[in-house]
C-alpha atoms as a PDB file:
ATOM      1  CA  MET A   1      71.493 -39.945  51.458  1.00  0.00           C
ATOM      2  CA  MET A   2      68.940 -40.813  48.749  1.00  0.00           C
ATOM      3  CA  TYR A   3      71.651 -41.693  46.266  1.00  0.00           C
ATOM      4  CA  LYS A   4      73.250 -44.011  48.822  1.00  0.00           C
ATOM      5  CA  LEU A   5      69.914 -45.721  49.386  1.00  0.00           C
ATOM      6  CA  ILE A   6      69.413 -46.262  45.657  1.00  0.00           C
ATOM      7  CA  GLU A   7      72.932 -47.671  45.427  1.00  0.00           C
ATOM      8  CA  LYS A   8      72.505 -49.959  48.413  1.00  0.00           C
ATOM      9  CA  TYR A   9      69.161 -51.275  47.188  1.00  0.00           C
ATOM     10  CA  ALA A  10      69.970 -51.075  43.482  1.00  0.00           C
ATOM     11  CA  THR A  11      68.527 -54.501  42.656  1.00  0.00           C
ATOM     12  CA  ILE A  12      65.216 -53.716  44.358  1.00  0.00           C
ATOM     13  CA  VAL A  13      64.935 -50.257  42.812  1.00  0.00           C
ATOM     14  CA  VAL A  14      65.665 -51.493  39.286  1.00  0.00           C
ATOM     15  CA  SER A  15      63.191 -54.346  39.727  1.00  0.00           C
ATOM     16  CA  LYS A  16      60.455 -51.708  39.958  1.00  0.00           C
ATOM     17  CA  ILE A  17      61.171 -50.693  36.353  1.00  0.00           C
ATOM     18  CA  ASP A  18      59.058 -52.674  33.914  1.00  0.00           C
ATOM     19  CA  GLN A  19      60.331 -54.151  30.646  1.00  0.00           C
ATOM     20  CA  GLY A  20      57.338 -52.628  28.880  1.00  0.00           C
ATOM     21  CA  TYR A  21      58.447 -49.177  30.026  1.00  0.00           C
ATOM     22  CA  VAL A  22      61.860 -49.779  28.478  1.00  0.00           C
ATOM     23  CA  ASN A  23      60.402 -51.165  25.252  1.00  0.00           C
ATOM     24  CA  ASP A  24      57.940 -48.301  24.824  1.00  0.00           C
ATOM     25  CA  TYR A  25      60.631 -45.667  25.363  1.00  0.00           C
ATOM     26  CA  LYS A  26      62.941 -47.289  22.837  1.00  0.00           C
ATOM     27  CA  TRP A  27      60.124 -47.525  20.294  1.00  0.00           C
ATOM     28  CA  LEU A  28      59.396 -43.822  20.639  1.00  0.00           C
ATOM     29  CA  LEU A  29      63.056 -42.994  20.118  1.00  0.00           C
ATOM     30  CA  ASP A  30      63.334 -45.301  17.129  1.00  0.00           C
ATOM     31  CA  ASN A  31      60.330 -43.882  15.280  1.00  0.00           C
ATOM     32  CA  PRO A  32      60.635 -40.091  15.190  1.00  0.00           C
ATOM     33  CA  ASN A  33      59.272 -40.057  11.640  1.00  0.00           C
ATOM     34  CA  GLN A  34      55.879 -41.078  13.039  1.00  0.00           C
ATOM     35  CA  VAL A  35      55.464 -38.181  15.468  1.00  0.00           C
ATOM     36  CA  LEU A  36      52.483 -36.729  13.600  1.00  0.00           C
ATOM     37  CA  ARG A  37      50.635 -40.053  13.442  1.00  0.00           C
ATOM     38  CA  SER A  38      47.917 -40.878  15.946  1.00  0.00           C
ATOM     39  CA  TYR A  39      49.431 -44.245  16.930  1.00  0.00           C
ATOM     40  CA  TYR A  40      52.748 -42.636  17.901  1.00  0.00           C
ATOM     41  CA  GLN A  41      50.993 -39.853  19.766  1.00  0.00           C
ATOM     42  CA  GLY A  42      48.890 -42.352  21.711  1.00  0.00           C
ATOM     43  CA  LYS A  43      51.960 -44.307  22.824  1.00  0.00           C
ATOM     44  CA  TYR A  44      53.795 -41.080  23.626  1.00  0.00           C
ATOM     45  CA  ARG A  45      50.944 -39.714  25.737  1.00  0.00           C
ATOM     46  CA  ASP A  46      50.630 -42.996  27.584  1.00  0.00           C
ATOM     47  CA  PHE A  47      54.376 -43.348  28.208  1.00  0.00           C
ATOM     48  CA  TRP A  48      54.807 -39.823  29.523  1.00  0.00           C
ATOM     49  CA  GLY A  49      51.639 -39.872  31.637  1.00  0.00           C
ATOM     50  CA  MET A  50      49.921 -37.129  29.669  1.00  0.00           C
ATOM     51  CA  ASN A  51      46.444 -38.624  29.484  1.00  0.00           C
ATOM     52  CA  GLN A  52      45.732 -37.844  33.130  1.00  0.00           C
ATOM     53  CA  SER A  53      45.896 -34.149  32.270  1.00  0.00           C
ATOM     54  CA  ARG A  54      42.661 -34.498  30.251  1.00  0.00           C
ATOM     55  CA  LEU A  55      43.932 -31.985  27.722  1.00  0.00           C
ATOM     56  CA  GLY A  56      42.384 -32.103  24.278  1.00  0.00           C
ATOM     57  CA  ASP A  57      43.461 -31.477  20.717  1.00  0.00           C
ATOM     58  CA  LYS A  58      43.789 -27.763  21.381  1.00  0.00           C
ATOM     59  CA  PHE A  59      46.881 -28.637  23.401  1.00  0.00           C
ATOM     60  CA  PHE A  60      48.112 -31.843  21.806  1.00  0.00           C
ATOM     61  CA  ASN A  61      48.008 -30.664  18.195  1.00  0.00           C
ATOM     62  CA  PRO A  62      50.476 -27.812  18.782  1.00  0.00           C
ATOM     63  CA  TYR A  63      52.420 -29.997  21.207  1.00  0.00           C
ATOM     64  CA  PHE A  64      53.230 -32.658  18.640  1.00  0.00           C
ATOM     65  CA  ALA A  65      53.752 -30.085  15.919  1.00  0.00           C
ATOM     66  CA  THR A  66      56.315 -28.464  18.220  1.00  0.00           C
ATOM     67  CA  LEU A  67      57.939 -31.823  18.913  1.00  0.00           C
ATOM     68  CA  ASN A  68      58.133 -32.580  15.208  1.00  0.00           C
ATOM     69  CA  SER A  69      59.759 -29.215  14.569  1.00  0.00           C
ATOM     70  CA  ALA A  70      62.153 -29.581  17.512  1.00  0.00           C
ATOM     71  CA  LEU A  71      63.374 -32.958  16.243  1.00  0.00           C
ATOM     72  CA  ASN A  72      64.624 -31.197  13.116  1.00  0.00           C
ATOM     73  CA  ASN A  73      65.507 -27.757  14.426  1.00  0.00           C
ATOM     74  CA  ALA A  74      67.285 -26.996  17.689  1.00  0.00           C
ATOM     75  CA  THR A  75      65.237 -25.078  20.235  1.00  0.00           C
ATOM     76  CA  THR A  76      65.318 -24.135  23.905  1.00  0.00           C
ATOM     77  CA  LEU A  77      63.144 -25.049  26.855  1.00  0.00           C
ATOM     78  CA  THR A  78      62.028 -21.443  27.211  1.00  0.00           C
ATOM     79  CA  ASN A  79      60.908 -21.370  23.586  1.00  0.00           C
ATOM     80  CA  VAL A  80      58.970 -24.617  23.984  1.00  0.00           C
ATOM     81  CA  VAL A  81      57.176 -23.443  27.131  1.00  0.00           C
ATOM     82  CA  ASN A  82      56.308 -20.129  25.503  1.00  0.00           C
ATOM     83  CA  THR A  83      54.970 -21.926  22.437  1.00  0.00           C
ATOM     84  CA  LEU A  84      52.737 -24.220  24.475  1.00  0.00           C
ATOM     85  CA  TYR A  85      51.607 -21.732  27.109  1.00  0.00           C
ATOM     86  CA  GLY A  86      47.983 -20.813  26.594  1.00  0.00           C
ATOM     87  CA  SER A  87      47.253 -23.601  24.097  1.00  0.00           C
ATOM     88  CA  ALA A  88      44.980 -25.141  26.721  1.00  0.00           C
ATOM     89  CA  THR A  89      43.347 -24.071  29.956  1.00  0.00           C
ATOM     90  CA  GLN A  90      42.823 -25.687  33.338  1.00  0.00           C
ATOM     91  CA  GLU A  91      39.393 -26.290  34.863  1.00  0.00           C
ATOM     92  CA  ASN A  92      39.637 -22.924  36.616  1.00  0.00           C
ATOM     93  CA  GLY A  93      40.091 -21.233  33.268  1.00  0.00           C
ATOM     94  CA  LYS A  94      43.746 -20.353  33.755  1.00  0.00           C
ATOM     95  CA  PRO A  95      46.250 -21.151  30.983  1.00  0.00           C
ATOM     96  CA  TYR A  96      47.838 -24.578  31.336  1.00  0.00           C
ATOM     97  CA  PHE A  97      51.491 -24.326  32.341  1.00  0.00           C
ATOM     98  CA  ALA A  98      52.998 -27.351  30.607  1.00  0.00           C
ATOM     99  CA  PHE A  99      56.516 -27.186  32.019  1.00  0.00           C
ATOM    100  CA  SER A 100      56.878 -30.901  32.734  1.00  0.00           C
ATOM    101  CA  PHE A 101      55.528 -31.834  29.301  1.00  0.00           C
ATOM    102  CA  ALA A 102      57.882 -29.298  27.741  1.00  0.00           C
ATOM    103  CA  THR A 103      60.913 -30.976  29.357  1.00  0.00           C
ATOM    104  CA  LYS A 104      59.713 -34.351  28.074  1.00  0.00           C
ATOM    105  CA  LEU A 105      59.454 -32.887  24.588  1.00  0.00           C
ATOM    106  CA  LEU A 106      62.960 -31.457  24.788  1.00  0.00           C
ATOM    107  CA  HIS A 107      64.304 -34.748  26.144  1.00  0.00           C
ATOM    108  CA  MET A 108      63.094 -36.517  23.004  1.00  0.00           C
ATOM    109  CA  THR A 109      65.356 -34.236  20.961  1.00  0.00           C
ATOM    110  CA  ASP A 110      68.362 -34.845  23.226  1.00  0.00           C
ATOM    111  CA  THR A 111      68.179 -37.807  25.604  1.00  0.00           C
ATOM    112  CA  ALA A 112      71.049 -36.436  27.694  1.00  0.00           C
ATOM    113  CA  LEU A 113      68.610 -33.841  29.029  1.00  0.00           C
ATOM    114  CA  PRO A 114      66.709 -34.644  32.248  1.00  0.00           C
ATOM    115  CA  VAL A 115      62.957 -34.732  32.694  1.00  0.00           C
ATOM    116  CA  TYR A 116      61.167 -32.551  35.235  1.00  0.00           C
ATOM    117  CA  ASP A 117      58.078 -34.091  36.805  1.00  0.00           C
ATOM    118  CA  SER A 118      56.316 -34.578  40.133  1.00  0.00           C
ATOM    119  CA  ARG A 119      58.564 -37.490  41.124  1.00  0.00           C
ATOM    120  CA  VAL A 120      61.680 -35.391  40.611  1.00  0.00           C
ATOM    121  CA  VAL A 121      60.079 -32.589  42.619  1.00  0.00           C
ATOM    122  CA  ALA A 122      59.391 -35.019  45.466  1.00  0.00           C
ATOM    123  CA  PHE A 123      62.822 -36.642  45.311  1.00  0.00           C
ATOM    124  CA  TYR A 124      64.749 -33.364  45.481  1.00  0.00           C
ATOM    125  CA  PHE A 125      62.260 -31.609  47.781  1.00  0.00           C
ATOM    126  CA  PHE A 126      61.943 -28.796  45.272  1.00  0.00           C
ATOM    127  CA  ARG A 127      60.057 -25.718  46.322  1.00  0.00           C
ATOM    128  CA  GLU A 128      58.380 -24.882  43.068  1.00  0.00           C
ATOM    129  CA  PRO A 129      58.096 -21.242  41.972  1.00  0.00           C
ATOM    130  CA  THR A 130      54.852 -19.521  42.845  1.00  0.00           C
ATOM    131  CA  ARG A 131      52.580 -18.945  39.897  1.00  0.00           C
ATOM    132  CA  THR A 132      51.592 -15.544  41.209  1.00  0.00           C
ATOM    133  CA  THR A 133      55.075 -14.136  40.709  1.00  0.00           C
ATOM    134  CA  LYS A 134      55.048 -10.388  40.169  1.00  0.00           C
ATOM    135  CA  ARG A 135      57.338 -10.855  37.193  1.00  0.00           C
ATOM    136  CA  GLY A 136      54.540 -12.473  35.251  1.00  0.00           C
ATOM    137  CA  VAL A 137      54.801 -15.476  32.949  1.00  0.00           C
ATOM    138  CA  PRO A 138      58.357 -14.709  31.735  1.00  0.00           C
ATOM    139  CA  GLY A 139      59.552 -14.582  35.346  1.00  0.00           C
ATOM    140  CA  LEU A 140      57.725 -17.784  36.201  1.00  0.00           C
ATOM    141  CA  ILE A 141      59.262 -19.594  33.232  1.00  0.00           C
ATOM    142  CA  ALA A 142      62.719 -18.290  34.151  1.00  0.00           C
ATOM    143  CA  ASP A 143      62.318 -19.595  37.710  1.00  0.00           C
ATOM    144  CA  TYR A 144      61.339 -23.050  36.478  1.00  0.00           C
ATOM    145  CA  VAL A 145      64.205 -23.087  34.003  1.00  0.00           C
ATOM    146  CA  LYS A 146      66.588 -22.446  36.913  1.00  0.00           C
ATOM    147  CA  LEU A 147      65.322 -25.631  38.575  1.00  0.00           C
ATOM    148  CA  TYR A 148      65.817 -27.460  35.318  1.00  0.00           C
ATOM    149  CA  ASP A 149      69.362 -26.132  34.978  1.00  0.00           C
ATOM    150  CA  PHE A 150      70.016 -27.499  38.458  1.00  0.00           C
ATOM    151  CA  LEU A 151      68.931 -30.943  37.262  1.00  0.00           C
ATOM    152  CA  ILE A 152      71.292 -30.766  34.291  1.00  0.00           C
ATOM    153  CA  GLU A 153      74.182 -29.879  36.582  1.00  0.00           C
ATOM    154  CA  GLU A 154      73.178 -32.433  39.212  1.00  0.00           C
ATOM    155  CA  TYR A 155      72.917 -35.323  36.747  1.00  0.00           C
ATOM    156  CA  ASP A 156      76.324 -34.354  35.421  1.00  0.00           C
ATOM    157  CA  ARG A 157      77.688 -34.421  38.978  1.00  0.00           C
ATOM    158  CA  ILE A 158      76.125 -37.831  39.616  1.00  0.00           C
ATOM    159  CA  LEU A 159      77.884 -39.243  36.572  1.00  0.00           C
ATOM    160  CA  LYS A 160      81.237 -37.570  37.175  1.00  0.00           C
ATOM    161  CA  GLN A 161      81.345 -38.670  40.817  1.00  0.00           C
ATOM    162  CA  SER A 162      79.839 -42.124  40.120  1.00  0.00           C
ATOM    163  CA  LEU A 163      77.165 -41.552  42.748  1.00  0.00           C
ATOM    164  CA  LEU A 164      74.783 -44.048  41.137  1.00  0.00           C
ATOM    165  CA  SER A 165      77.252 -46.260  39.289  1.00  0.00           C
ATOM    166  CA  LYS A 166      76.053 -49.519  40.835  1.00  0.00           C
ATOM    167  CA  ALA A 167      72.401 -48.797  40.136  1.00  0.00           C
ATOM    168  CA  ILE A 168      73.148 -47.701  36.567  1.00  0.00           C
ATOM    169  CA  GLN A 169      75.096 -50.909  36.009  1.00  0.00           C
ATOM    170  CA  GLU A 170      72.221 -52.906  37.473  1.00  0.00           C
ATOM    171  CA  PHE A 171      69.851 -51.265  35.006  1.00  0.00           C
ATOM    172  CA  GLU A 172      72.136 -51.889  32.037  1.00  0.00           C
ATOM    173  CA  THR A 173      72.612 -55.522  33.019  1.00  0.00           C
ATOM    174  CA  ARG A 174      68.891 -56.113  33.463  1.00  0.00           C
ATOM    175  CA  PHE A 175      67.795 -54.375  30.261  1.00  0.00           C
ATOM    176  CA  GLN A 176      69.816 -55.231  27.174  1.00  0.00           C
ATOM    177  CA  SER A 177      69.622 -52.986  24.080  1.00  0.00           C
ATOM    178  CA  HIS A 178      67.658 -50.453  26.082  1.00  0.00           C
ATOM    179  CA  GLY A 179      68.626 -47.291  24.181  1.00  0.00           C
ATOM    180  CA  PHE A 180      68.681 -45.253  27.403  1.00  0.00           C
ATOM    181  CA  SER A 181      71.217 -42.509  27.963  1.00  0.00           C
ATOM    182  CA  LYS A 182      72.909 -42.450  31.359  1.00  0.00           C
ATOM    183  CA  GLU A 183      70.797 -39.399  32.196  1.00  0.00           C
ATOM    184  CA  LYS A 184      67.591 -41.219  31.305  1.00  0.00           C
ATOM    185  CA  ILE A 185      68.655 -44.131  33.507  1.00  0.00           C
ATOM    186  CA  ILE A 186      69.105 -41.684  36.389  1.00  0.00           C
ATOM    187  CA  ASP A 187      65.660 -40.281  35.685  1.00  0.00           C
ATOM    188  CA  SER A 188      64.211 -43.818  35.695  1.00  0.00           C
ATOM    189  CA  LEU A 189      65.947 -44.722  38.947  1.00  0.00           C
ATOM    190  CA  ILE A 190      64.556 -41.622  40.637  1.00  0.00           C
ATOM    191  CA  TRP A 191      61.103 -42.395  39.232  1.00  0.00           C
ATOM    192  CA  ALA A 192      61.266 -45.987  40.504  1.00  0.00           C
ATOM    193  CA  PHE A 193      62.521 -44.940  43.926  1.00  0.00           C
ATOM    194  CA  ALA A 194      60.100 -42.053  44.412  1.00  0.00           C
ATOM    195  CA  SER A 195      56.942 -43.740  43.162  1.00  0.00           C
ATOM    196  CA  SER A 196      57.183 -47.346  44.314  1.00  0.00           C
ATOM    197  CA  GLY A 197      56.653 -46.877  48.051  1.00  0.00           C
ATOM    198  CA  LEU A 198      59.878 -48.702  48.926  1.00  0.00           C
ATOM    199  CA  LEU A 199      60.362 -46.675  52.102  1.00  0.00           C
ATOM    200  CA  GLN A 200      56.773 -47.130  53.242  1.00  0.00           C
ATOM    201  CA  THR A 201      56.890 -50.889  52.747  1.00  0.00           C
ATOM    202  CA  LYS A 202      60.311 -51.027  54.439  1.00  0.00           C
ATOM    203  CA  LYS A 203      61.904 -52.728  51.448  1.00  0.00           C
ATOM    204  CA  VAL A 204      64.353 -49.845  51.668  1.00  0.00           C
ATOM    205  CA  ILE A 205      65.411 -48.823  55.170  1.00  0.00           C
ATOM    206  CA  TYR A 206      67.249 -45.756  56.456  1.00  0.00           C
ATOM    207  CA  GLU A 207      70.264 -46.689  58.540  1.00  0.00           C
END
């Protein structure tokens, strides 16, 4: 149903995506040699919505070091999460579980990979794994990775079955020289649909 709504209202959904968003993403992709510089890191944190987390250098220093390494050496999502886990703590003192940020890091090394964030969770009605799992941190990470594997398979299905072909074409027509993979366009469409309040404002209507 949601895919059909995005297709039907493709022009409206794509209009919610800002040119600055496209430009900033392309700049980040085009300048991987600047990952360890403060200017790059500032743009990266702003683009991926990381500043709201209020995490400090204890987290971001290893984060960008990991990104720099991952751009030159293949890694896995599990390895990235394990590397980052415990590098910062939440206000309640518990280790910060940076799964969403880890998927964004991995995406920068391979733009065909999806991004896991709160908008995706809302769009797919994910029931996120409990963080009190008896299997501990390894079990928790494995459960989240299963959700991520679903996204990989689902985005592949969307492309193979042309479920969002009109909306993808609308995006590509609107934004020339965008540098977005088809998977990143899907991610952007979901973000625009889930966060713009189109249903609440009745600009998109169930029928």
